Amino acid sequence: MVGVVKDPLYLEHDPGDYHPESPDRLRHIYSMLPSIDGDGVLYVTPRMATHQEVALIHDASYVERIARTEGCTASLDPDTSTSPRTYEAALLAAGGCLSLADSILSGVVQSGFALIRPPGHHAERSRAMGFCIFNNIAIAARYLQATHGLSKVLIVDFDLHHGNGTQHSFYSDPSVLYFSTHQFPYYPGTGWYEETGQGDGAGYTVNVPLPYGMNDDDYLFVFREVLLPVADLFQPDMVLVSAGFDTYRDDPLGGMSITEGGYSAMTEVLLGIARKWCRSMLLFVLEGGYDAAGLARSVKAVITTMKGNPAFEYVRKGEPCPGVVEVVTNVKRVLGPFRGKL
């Protein structure tokens, strides 16, 4: 059983005309959902996160500052603004992840996809940035630990952009392992090899900075060569995924070449990790992706793969390119001293 979170309130966050993070992104996804066989899909009703839950990651003063934008339009950073219902939508985005997490932990569903906005992985402790208000996936990770007693959470982020806010949330914490593939150099400029954590968290941040133009084979090479062995060393209690589809081949903001079949194959790898270590508990959270039609098809690829009947087939094109082989070699070199620690 696969849980899906959706709600019309997520469409009410409107960052303005011509903004890439448009409500049309979710409209395309929501219009696609009836094309998925409903057998094995359960729609999970989201709830508002409380201020205390959001404050598991964000400063209370920052949460209050966002609350004061209710009913009005405000600029939070050059890329990020609110509309009259953004505050409510942001609370429901974080809370939708928590509702889905509860459904997974209770066994009502095994895995799920929170189809929410605004996105979250750039949001810092006291700062909105990169289209993000609250860091939905980071809040979910802390909630799983605080409410459900999970010891170790793995966050996999395959968005085009590095999740600086998520990395910083757990940079000194060995209980949350953050793994990111991202185009580099690119916004926000973080996520180099040597960013591996600090203090007790040293070795629990894994960054794979990729050059322009990587395809399905290149990403799957990274997943096999880096993610799988790291996950086996860490042995997570649950896997969370920051699912950004701006790596899609036609994305207007991206420079990667992932296909729907590639996302399906990546999902299979993530399902394998979840089956091996955490009773198949796997939670996807929507981040970026700005080609609306391609975004909807990519989400369909993930959901149908979680259901066990993939709508798209991965077709291998060849060997990984020399650039990604070099990246993986560098990542392994940097992580080498931490293998015994994980």
Protein backbone atom coordinates (compact mmCIF):
# COMPACT_ATOMS: atom_id res chain seq x y z
CA MET A 1 0.00 0.00 0.00
CA VAL A 2 1.37 3.40 -1.04
CA GLY A 3 0.22 6.56 0.73
CA VAL A 4 -0.21 9.82 -1.20
CA VAL A 5 -0.69 13.25 0.35
CA LYS A 6 -2.41 15.96 -1.68
CA ASP A 7 -4.56 18.95 -0.80
CA PRO A 8 -5.99 21.98 -2.66
CA LEU A 9 -4.45 24.34 -0.09
CA TYR A 10 -1.01 23.61 -1.54
CA LEU A 11 -2.16 25.40 -4.70
CA GLU A 12 -2.86 28.58 -2.73
CA HIS A 13 0.82 29.38 -2.21
CA ASP A 14 1.47 31.79 -5.08
CA PRO A 15 4.98 33.25 -5.38
CA GLY A 16 3.93 35.45 -8.31
CA ASP A 17 3.58 35.53 -12.07
CA TYR A 18 6.32 33.79 -14.04
CA HIS A 19 7.86 32.27 -10.91
CA PRO A 20 9.14 28.74 -11.65
CA GLU A 21 7.73 27.32 -8.40
CA SER A 22 4.19 27.76 -9.67
CA PRO A 23 0.95 26.12 -8.47
CA ASP A 24 0.78 24.62 -11.97
CA ARG A 25 3.45 22.13 -10.89
CA LEU A 26 1.00 20.44 -8.54
CA ARG A 27 -1.97 20.94 -10.84
CA HIS A 28 -0.22 18.80 -13.44
CA ILE A 29 0.64 16.16 -10.84
CA TYR A 30 -2.86 16.09 -9.36
CA SER A 31 -4.38 15.82 -12.84
CA MET A 32 -2.10 12.86 -13.54
CA LEU A 33 -3.00 10.89 -10.40
CA PRO A 34 -6.26 9.37 -11.73
CA SER A 35 -4.20 7.67 -14.47
CA ILE A 36 -2.59 5.52 -11.76
CA ASP A 37 -4.54 2.40 -10.84
CA GLY A 38 -6.10 3.20 -7.47
CA ASP A 39 -5.65 -0.35 -6.22
CA GLY A 40 -2.87 -0.17 -3.63
CA VAL A 41 -2.99 3.63 -3.25
CA LEU A 42 -4.33 5.33 -0.12
CA TYR A 43 -4.80 9.09 0.01
CA VAL A 44 -3.65 10.33 3.40
CA THR A 45 -5.27 13.49 4.76
CA PRO A 46 -2.64 16.06 5.80
CA ARG A 47 -2.81 18.12 8.96
CA MET A 48 -1.21 21.39 9.97
CA ALA A 49 2.11 21.05 11.73
CA THR A 50 2.18 22.80 15.09
CA HIS A 51 4.63 25.58 15.82
CA GLN A 52 6.36 23.25 18.27
CA GLU A 53 6.84 20.63 15.54
CA VAL A 54 8.24 23.17 13.09
CA ALA A 55 10.52 24.41 15.87
CA LEU A 56 12.15 20.98 15.97
CA ILE A 57 14.22 22.44 13.11
CA HIS A 58 13.54 26.19 12.97
CA ASP A 59 14.02 28.96 15.51
CA ALA A 60 10.75 29.81 17.23
CA SER A 61 11.25 33.47 16.31
CA TYR A 62 11.50 32.51 12.64
CA VAL A 63 8.29 30.48 12.82
CA GLU A 64 6.54 33.48 14.37
CA ARG A 65 7.92 35.74 11.66
CA ILE A 66 6.41 33.50 8.98
CA ALA A 67 3.13 33.41 10.93
CA ARG A 68 2.95 37.20 10.74
CA THR A 69 2.85 36.99 6.93
CA GLU A 70 -0.57 35.32 7.05
CA GLY A 71 -3.02 37.19 4.85
CA CYS A 72 -0.42 39.30 3.08
CA THR A 73 2.37 39.28 0.52
CA ALA A 74 5.95 39.53 1.75
CA SER A 75 9.41 39.10 0.27
CA LEU A 76 11.53 36.71 2.32
CA ASP A 77 14.58 36.55 0.04
CA PRO A 78 15.24 37.39 -3.64
CA ASP A 79 13.69 34.06 -4.77
CA THR A 80 11.15 33.44 -2.02
CA SER A 81 7.95 35.29 -1.15
CA THR A 82 4.61 34.72 0.50
CA SER A 83 1.05 35.20 -0.66
CA PRO A 84 -1.99 35.50 1.65
CA ARG A 85 -2.27 31.73 2.29
CA THR A 86 1.42 30.76 2.14
CA TYR A 87 1.75 30.44 5.91
CA GLU A 88 -1.14 27.96 6.05
CA ALA A 89 0.17 26.04 3.04
CA ALA A 90 3.65 25.85 4.58
CA LEU A 91 2.27 24.46 7.86
CA LEU A 92 0.21 21.94 5.89
CA ALA A 93 3.26 20.99 3.80
CA ALA A 94 5.27 20.14 6.90
CA GLY A 95 2.25 18.54 8.52
CA GLY A 96 1.48 16.49 5.42
CA CYS A 97 4.88 14.84 5.79
CA LEU A 98 4.13 14.10 9.44
CA SER A 99 0.70 12.63 8.61
CA LEU A 100 2.30 10.37 6.02
CA ALA A 101 5.08 9.41 8.44
CA ASP A 102 2.45 8.43 11.02
CA SER A 103 0.64 6.31 8.43
CA ILE A 104 3.86 4.51 7.51
CA LEU A 105 4.91 3.90 11.13
CA SER A 106 1.45 2.59 12.01
CA GLY A 107 1.57 0.14 9.12
CA VAL A 108 -1.42 1.61 7.29
CA VAL A 109 0.87 2.11 4.29
CA GLN A 110 4.42 0.87 3.67
CA SER A 111 5.69 3.80 1.66
CA GLY A 112 4.38 7.09 0.35
CA PHE A 113 4.78 10.37 -1.48
CA ALA A 114 3.94 13.77 0.01
CA LEU A 115 2.89 15.86 -3.01
CA ILE A 116 3.22 19.20 -1.27
CA ARG A 117 4.46 22.75 -1.71
CA PRO A 118 6.13 25.06 -0.87
CA PRO A 119 9.25 22.88 -1.02
CA GLY A 120 11.71 22.81 1.85
CA HIS A 121 15.30 21.59 1.52
CA HIS A 122 16.89 25.05 1.16
CA ALA A 123 15.16 26.49 4.25
CA GLU A 124 17.68 27.23 7.01
CA ARG A 125 17.05 27.39 10.72
CA SER A 126 16.09 31.05 10.63
CA ARG A 127 15.96 31.89 6.94
CA ALA A 128 13.74 31.16 3.95
CA MET A 129 15.56 30.75 0.66
CA GLY A 130 15.43 29.05 -2.73
CA PHE A 131 11.59 28.91 -2.90
CA CYS A 132 11.51 27.16 0.52
CA ILE A 133 9.75 28.30 3.74
CA PHE A 134 9.91 25.40 6.23
CA ASN A 135 12.29 22.45 5.80
CA ASN A 136 9.64 19.76 5.48
CA ILE A 137 11.91 16.73 5.28
CA ALA A 138 14.15 17.84 8.14
CA ILE A 139 11.09 18.43 10.34
CA ALA A 140 9.85 14.95 9.43
CA ALA A 141 13.18 13.37 10.38
CA ARG A 142 13.22 15.02 13.80
CA TYR A 143 9.54 14.18 14.32
CA LEU A 144 10.22 10.51 13.59
CA GLN A 145 12.92 10.54 16.25
CA ALA A 146 11.02 12.60 18.83
CA THR A 147 7.59 11.00 18.42
CA HIS A 148 8.26 7.48 17.14
CA GLY A 149 11.63 6.85 18.76
CA LEU A 150 13.57 6.10 15.58
CA SER A 151 17.31 6.08 16.17
CA LYS A 152 18.71 6.53 12.66
CA VAL A 153 17.17 8.27 9.65
CA LEU A 154 18.65 8.31 6.16
CA ILE A 155 17.78 11.31 3.97
CA VAL A 156 18.50 10.91 0.24
CA ASP A 157 18.27 14.13 -1.80
CA PHE A 158 18.38 13.82 -5.60
CA ASP A 159 17.19 17.35 -6.37
CA LEU A 160 19.28 19.27 -8.92
CA HIS A 161 20.24 21.74 -6.19
CA HIS A 162 22.07 20.93 -2.99
CA GLY A 163 19.87 20.89 0.11
CA ASN A 164 21.89 23.31 2.19
CA GLY A 165 19.19 23.68 4.84
CA THR A 166 18.87 19.94 5.38
CA GLN A 167 22.64 19.49 5.52
CA HIS A 168 23.04 22.24 8.10
CA SER A 169 20.17 20.85 10.21
CA PHE A 170 22.10 17.63 10.88
CA TYR A 171 25.73 18.56 10.24
CA SER A 172 26.83 17.64 13.77
CA ASP A 173 24.37 14.80 14.28
CA PRO A 174 25.30 11.13 13.68
CA SER A 175 21.68 10.01 13.99
CA VAL A 176 20.69 11.48 10.59
CA LEU A 177 22.76 10.65 7.52
CA TYR A 178 22.30 13.16 4.69
CA PHE A 179 23.18 11.95 1.17
CA SER A 180 22.94 14.37 -1.76
CA THR A 181 23.51 14.22 -5.49
CA HIS A 182 23.44 17.68 -7.10
CA GLN A 183 24.71 19.70 -10.03
CA PHE A 184 27.85 21.57 -9.06
CA PRO A 185 28.73 24.40 -9.22
CA TYR A 186 25.17 25.64 -9.04
CA TYR A 187 22.78 27.29 -6.60
CA PRO A 188 23.20 27.46 -3.61
CA GLY A 189 26.95 26.81 -3.92
CA THR A 190 27.22 24.29 -1.08
CA GLY A 191 27.72 20.52 -1.25
CA TRP A 192 31.39 19.94 -2.08
CA TYR A 193 33.11 16.61 -1.33
CA GLU A 194 34.82 17.78 1.82
CA GLU A 195 31.53 18.84 3.46
CA THR A 196 31.18 15.62 5.45
CA GLY A 197 29.87 16.83 8.81
CA GLN A 198 31.56 18.03 11.95
CA GLY A 199 32.05 16.88 15.53
CA ASP A 200 30.04 13.75 16.28
CA GLY A 201 28.43 14.14 12.85
CA ALA A 202 31.69 13.89 10.89
CA GLY A 203 31.20 11.33 8.13
CA TYR A 204 27.40 11.47 8.25
CA THR A 205 27.04 13.99 5.42
CA VAL A 206 27.76 12.55 1.97
CA ASN A 207 27.90 14.96 -0.96
CA VAL A 208 28.19 13.85 -4.57
CA PRO A 209 28.74 17.05 -6.62
CA LEU A 210 28.06 16.18 -10.24
CA PRO A 211 29.00 17.97 -13.46
CA TYR A 212 26.48 19.07 -16.06
CA GLY A 213 24.83 16.50 -18.30
CA MET A 214 24.60 13.34 -16.15
CA ASN A 215 22.10 10.73 -17.35
CA ASP A 216 20.27 7.71 -15.90
CA ASP A 217 23.34 5.45 -16.07
CA ASP A 218 25.49 8.02 -14.27
CA TYR A 219 23.03 8.49 -11.40
CA LEU A 220 22.53 4.76 -10.98
CA PHE A 221 26.30 4.30 -10.89
CA VAL A 222 26.43 6.79 -7.99
CA PHE A 223 23.58 5.01 -6.21
CA ARG A 224 25.25 1.60 -6.58
CA GLU A 225 28.80 2.69 -5.80
CA VAL A 226 28.17 5.20 -2.99
CA LEU A 227 24.61 5.18 -1.66
CA LEU A 228 24.20 1.41 -1.28
CA PRO A 229 27.42 0.81 0.69
CA VAL A 230 26.83 3.89 2.84
CA ALA A 231 23.28 2.75 3.63
CA ASP A 232 24.56 -0.72 4.53
CA LEU A 233 27.06 0.80 6.95
CA PHE A 234 24.49 3.17 8.48
CA GLN A 235 21.55 0.68 8.65
CA PRO A 236 18.72 3.23 8.82
CA ASP A 237 15.43 2.83 10.66
CA MET A 238 13.66 4.75 7.88
CA VAL A 239 14.50 6.31 4.52
CA LEU A 240 13.29 9.79 3.56
CA VAL A 241 13.76 11.18 0.06
CA SER A 242 13.95 14.81 -1.04
CA ALA A 243 12.57 14.16 -4.51
CA GLY A 244 13.47 17.02 -6.81
CA PHE A 245 12.76 16.41 -10.48
CA ASP A 246 14.70 19.39 -11.85
CA THR A 247 17.23 16.75 -12.93
CA TYR A 248 14.68 15.76 -15.59
CA ARG A 249 15.99 15.92 -19.14
CA ASP A 250 13.70 18.81 -20.21
CA ASP A 251 13.77 20.88 -17.04
CA PRO A 252 14.22 24.60 -17.81
CA LEU A 253 16.38 25.23 -14.73
CA GLY A 254 18.50 22.10 -14.93
CA GLY A 255 21.35 20.62 -16.88
CA MET A 256 20.84 16.90 -16.28
CA SER A 257 19.29 14.20 -18.47
CA ILE A 258 17.27 11.89 -16.21
CA THR A 259 14.28 10.15 -17.79
CA GLU A 260 11.12 8.76 -16.27
CA GLY A 261 12.67 5.30 -16.49
CA GLY A 262 15.72 6.60 -14.64
CA TYR A 263 13.57 7.81 -11.74
CA SER A 264 11.87 4.41 -11.67
CA ALA A 265 15.24 2.65 -11.45
CA MET A 266 16.44 5.04 -8.73
CA THR A 267 13.25 4.32 -6.80
CA GLU A 268 13.96 0.58 -7.05
CA VAL A 269 17.35 1.15 -5.42
CA LEU A 270 15.74 3.16 -2.62
CA LEU A 271 13.07 0.49 -2.14
CA GLY A 272 15.83 -2.09 -1.86
CA ILE A 273 17.48 -0.15 0.95
CA ALA A 274 14.16 0.25 2.74
CA ARG A 275 13.32 -3.45 2.40
CA LYS A 276 16.71 -4.49 3.69
CA TRP A 277 16.94 -2.23 6.72
CA CYS A 278 13.58 -0.74 7.70
CA ARG A 279 10.61 -2.93 6.81
CA SER A 280 10.13 -1.11 3.46
CA MET A 281 9.42 2.21 5.19
CA LEU A 282 10.16 4.84 2.54
CA LEU A 283 8.81 8.39 2.39
CA PHE A 284 9.21 10.68 -0.64
CA VAL A 285 8.77 14.44 -0.27
CA LEU A 286 8.37 16.68 -3.33
CA GLU A 287 11.05 19.35 -3.81
CA GLY A 288 11.87 20.91 -7.22
CA GLY A 289 10.98 20.14 -10.83
CA TYR A 290 9.87 22.87 -13.24
CA ASP A 291 8.87 21.16 -16.47
CA ALA A 292 5.29 20.58 -15.38
CA ALA A 293 4.42 17.78 -17.78
CA GLY A 294 7.72 15.98 -17.19
CA LEU A 295 7.32 16.48 -13.45
CA ALA A 296 3.94 14.74 -13.47
CA ARG A 297 5.30 11.80 -15.47
CA SER A 298 8.32 11.52 -13.17
CA VAL A 299 6.10 11.43 -10.08
CA LYS A 300 4.02 8.75 -11.81
CA ALA A 301 7.22 6.76 -12.37
CA VAL A 302 8.00 6.86 -8.64
CA ILE A 303 4.50 6.02 -7.38
CA THR A 304 3.93 3.18 -9.82
CA THR A 305 7.34 1.73 -8.99
CA MET A 306 6.50 1.84 -5.27
CA LYS A 307 3.24 0.04 -6.16
CA GLY A 308 5.21 -2.68 -7.91
CA ASN A 309 4.01 -2.02 -11.47
CA PRO A 310 6.33 0.62 -12.98
CA ALA A 311 4.79 2.73 -15.73
CA PHE A 312 8.18 3.46 -17.30
CA GLU A 313 11.11 1.24 -18.14
CA TYR A 314 14.73 2.06 -17.51
CA VAL A 315 16.81 1.44 -20.62
CA ARG A 316 20.53 1.37 -20.06
CA LYS A 317 22.37 3.53 -22.57
CA GLY A 318 25.93 2.52 -21.80
CA GLU A 319 28.69 2.81 -19.25
CA PRO A 320 28.89 5.70 -16.77
CA CYS A 321 30.79 8.66 -18.16
CA PRO A 322 34.40 9.36 -17.10
CA GLY A 323 33.28 12.47 -15.22
CA VAL A 324 31.00 10.57 -12.85
CA VAL A 325 33.59 7.85 -12.33
CA GLU A 326 36.04 10.54 -11.22
CA VAL A 327 33.44 12.07 -8.89
CA VAL A 328 32.72 8.70 -7.27
CA THR A 329 36.45 8.07 -6.81
CA ASN A 330 36.80 11.41 -5.03
CA VAL A 331 33.77 10.78 -2.82
CA LYS A 332 35.13 7.39 -1.76
CA ARG A 333 38.51 8.94 -1.01
CA VAL A 334 36.98 11.60 1.22
CA LEU A 335 34.71 9.12 3.00
CA GLY A 336 37.43 6.51 3.49
CA PRO A 337 38.50 7.65 7.00
CA PHE A 338 34.86 7.40 8.22
CA ARG A 339 34.04 3.85 7.10
CA GLY A 340 34.75 2.36 10.51
CA LYS A 341 32.78 5.09 12.26
CA LEU A 342 29.54 4.58 10.33
